[in-house]
Every structure is written in C-alpha cells, then in structure tokens.
Amino acid sequence: MGASNPGRHGEQRARRARSGRRFPRTGTEPATARSPLGLRLILSGVFVPVFVVSAVLFAVWAADSGPGDSPGRGPLIVLAVVCGVLACLAAADLLVVVRRLRRERGSW
C-alpha cells in the first residue's frame, strides 16, 4: 500500500501544516468548529482568584483549628490542597487561552 504511492504521506503532512492542525479531523464536528476561547478566558479569569482565596482561607482555618473542632484539621488541609490544585489548573488554562488568542489575532 505505502510502496504504490510513496509521496502520499508527505502530501498529507504538508496539508496539515498549512491548515495549522496537529492531528487530522476524525469526528463529525463542522470544519469551522472552534473552541470557545472567550468563555474559557472568562471562566479561568473568575476561578483563578476564587480558588486562590479559597485555598488561603481553608489553610488559615486549618491552622486555627483545635483538636476537638469540627471539621478537623485534616479535611481542611485536603480542601486547601484541592483548591490550590484547581487554582493552578485554572491559571494554566488561562495562559493557554491567552496564548491562543494572541496567535489567532496575529500579535504573537
């Protein structure tokens, strides 16, 4: 199969490079489908500070909790760590979205 048309793979790679896609389309989405970057920008911009503040508040609450308090120190530390991880994920998504928007608008 590959020996009958040796230039086919190179042609496909060149077509992909021109279209800007890393992988060929395999789904049934329209050819003009785009990621909702504006919505992702808003959500990431809102949730980065929310998760950072939540992580700080849970950490302070865990530091001030005593031995008989409910909730205990352990669950509060877990919540602080989870909020910190979510803040990092939202910040990473924010960076990706900003980079893609700059590249689309040609100011990159």
Protein backbone atom coordinates (compact mmCIF):
# COMPACT_ATOMS: atom_id res chain seq x y z
CA MET A 1 0.00 0.00 0.00
CA GLY A 2 2.71 2.50 1.00
CA ALA A 3 5.00 1.44 -1.86
CA SER A 4 2.37 2.24 -4.52
CA ASN A 5 2.20 5.92 -3.53
CA PRO A 6 5.35 6.97 -1.64
CA GLY A 7 4.64 10.72 -1.68
CA ARG A 8 1.19 10.44 -0.13
CA HIS A 9 2.37 10.69 3.49
CA GLY A 10 4.43 13.79 2.75
CA GLU A 11 1.49 15.42 0.98
CA GLN A 12 -0.77 14.78 3.97
CA ARG A 13 1.83 16.24 6.31
CA ALA A 14 2.15 19.36 4.12
CA ARG A 15 -1.64 19.77 4.01
CA ARG A 16 -1.82 19.51 7.80
CA ALA A 17 0.96 22.07 8.20
CA ARG A 18 -0.92 24.53 6.00
CA SER A 19 -4.17 24.02 7.89
CA GLY A 20 -2.48 24.56 11.27
CA ARG A 21 -3.73 21.27 12.68
CA ARG A 22 -1.56 18.89 14.58
CA PHE A 23 -3.87 15.91 14.07
CA PRO A 24 -6.30 15.20 11.23
CA ARG A 25 -10.02 15.61 11.88
CA THR A 26 -11.67 12.37 12.90
CA GLY A 27 -15.00 13.45 14.36
CA THR A 28 -18.25 14.74 12.92
CA GLU A 29 -17.78 18.34 14.06
CA PRO A 30 -18.04 21.06 11.43
CA ALA A 31 -14.81 22.10 9.74
CA THR A 32 -15.27 25.60 11.17
CA ALA A 33 -15.75 24.43 14.79
CA ARG A 34 -13.69 26.44 17.25
CA SER A 35 -13.01 26.24 20.94
CA PRO A 36 -14.98 28.83 22.94
CA LEU A 37 -11.85 30.75 23.94
CA GLY A 38 -13.79 33.78 25.16
CA LEU A 39 -15.82 31.69 27.59
CA ARG A 40 -12.71 29.84 28.76
CA LEU A 41 -10.97 33.20 29.30
CA ILE A 42 -13.85 34.49 31.44
CA LEU A 43 -14.17 31.27 33.46
CA SER A 44 -10.43 30.98 34.08
CA GLY A 45 -10.21 34.66 34.97
CA VAL A 46 -13.00 34.28 37.52
CA PHE A 47 -11.95 30.96 39.03
CA VAL A 48 -8.22 31.61 39.49
CA PRO A 49 -8.83 34.21 42.22
CA VAL A 50 -11.77 32.25 43.67
CA PHE A 51 -9.67 29.12 44.11
CA VAL A 52 -6.64 31.04 45.41
CA VAL A 53 -8.75 32.81 48.04
CA SER A 54 -10.47 29.54 48.95
CA ALA A 55 -7.14 27.75 49.35
CA VAL A 56 -5.81 30.53 51.59
CA LEU A 57 -8.98 30.61 53.71
CA PHE A 58 -9.02 26.82 54.17
CA ALA A 59 -5.33 26.85 55.07
CA VAL A 60 -5.82 29.61 57.65
CA TRP A 61 -8.88 27.82 59.05
CA ALA A 62 -6.87 24.57 59.30
CA ALA A 63 -4.06 26.39 61.10
CA ASP A 64 -6.52 27.87 63.63
CA SER A 65 -8.50 24.68 64.25
CA GLY A 66 -8.09 22.91 67.54
CA PRO A 67 -8.08 19.19 68.40
CA GLY A 68 -11.84 18.96 69.08
CA ASP A 69 -13.06 21.27 66.31
CA SER A 70 -15.35 20.12 63.56
CA PRO A 71 -14.35 19.94 60.76
CA GLY A 72 -10.95 18.73 61.79
CA ARG A 73 -7.58 19.90 60.56
CA GLY A 74 -7.17 17.01 58.07
CA PRO A 75 -10.26 17.70 55.92
CA LEU A 76 -9.46 21.42 55.89
CA ILE A 77 -5.93 20.74 54.65
CA VAL A 78 -7.33 18.47 51.93
CA LEU A 79 -9.74 21.21 50.84
CA ALA A 80 -6.91 23.76 50.80
CA VAL A 81 -4.76 21.48 48.64
CA VAL A 82 -7.66 20.71 46.25
CA CYS A 83 -8.39 24.43 45.86
CA GLY A 84 -4.69 25.09 45.26
CA VAL A 85 -4.53 22.43 42.55
CA LEU A 86 -7.68 23.79 40.91
CA ALA A 87 -6.19 27.31 41.01
CA CYS A 88 -3.06 26.01 39.25
CA LEU A 89 -5.15 24.26 36.59
CA ALA A 90 -7.26 27.38 36.01
CA ALA A 91 -4.10 29.51 35.76
CA ALA A 92 -2.57 27.10 33.24
CA ASP A 93 -5.77 27.19 31.19
CA LEU A 94 -5.71 30.99 31.34
CA LEU A 95 -2.17 31.02 29.96
CA VAL A 96 -3.10 28.62 27.15
CA VAL A 97 -6.16 30.66 26.19
CA VAL A 98 -4.23 33.93 26.16
CA ARG A 99 -1.51 32.37 24.01
CA ARG A 100 -4.06 31.00 21.53
CA LEU A 101 -5.90 34.32 21.34
CA ARG A 102 -2.66 36.17 20.65
CA ARG A 103 -1.72 33.67 17.96
CA GLU A 104 -5.17 33.94 16.31
CA ARG A 105 -5.05 37.73 16.30
CA GLY A 106 -1.54 37.79 14.89
CA SER A 107 0.10 39.68 17.75
CA TRP A 108 2.19 36.71 18.85
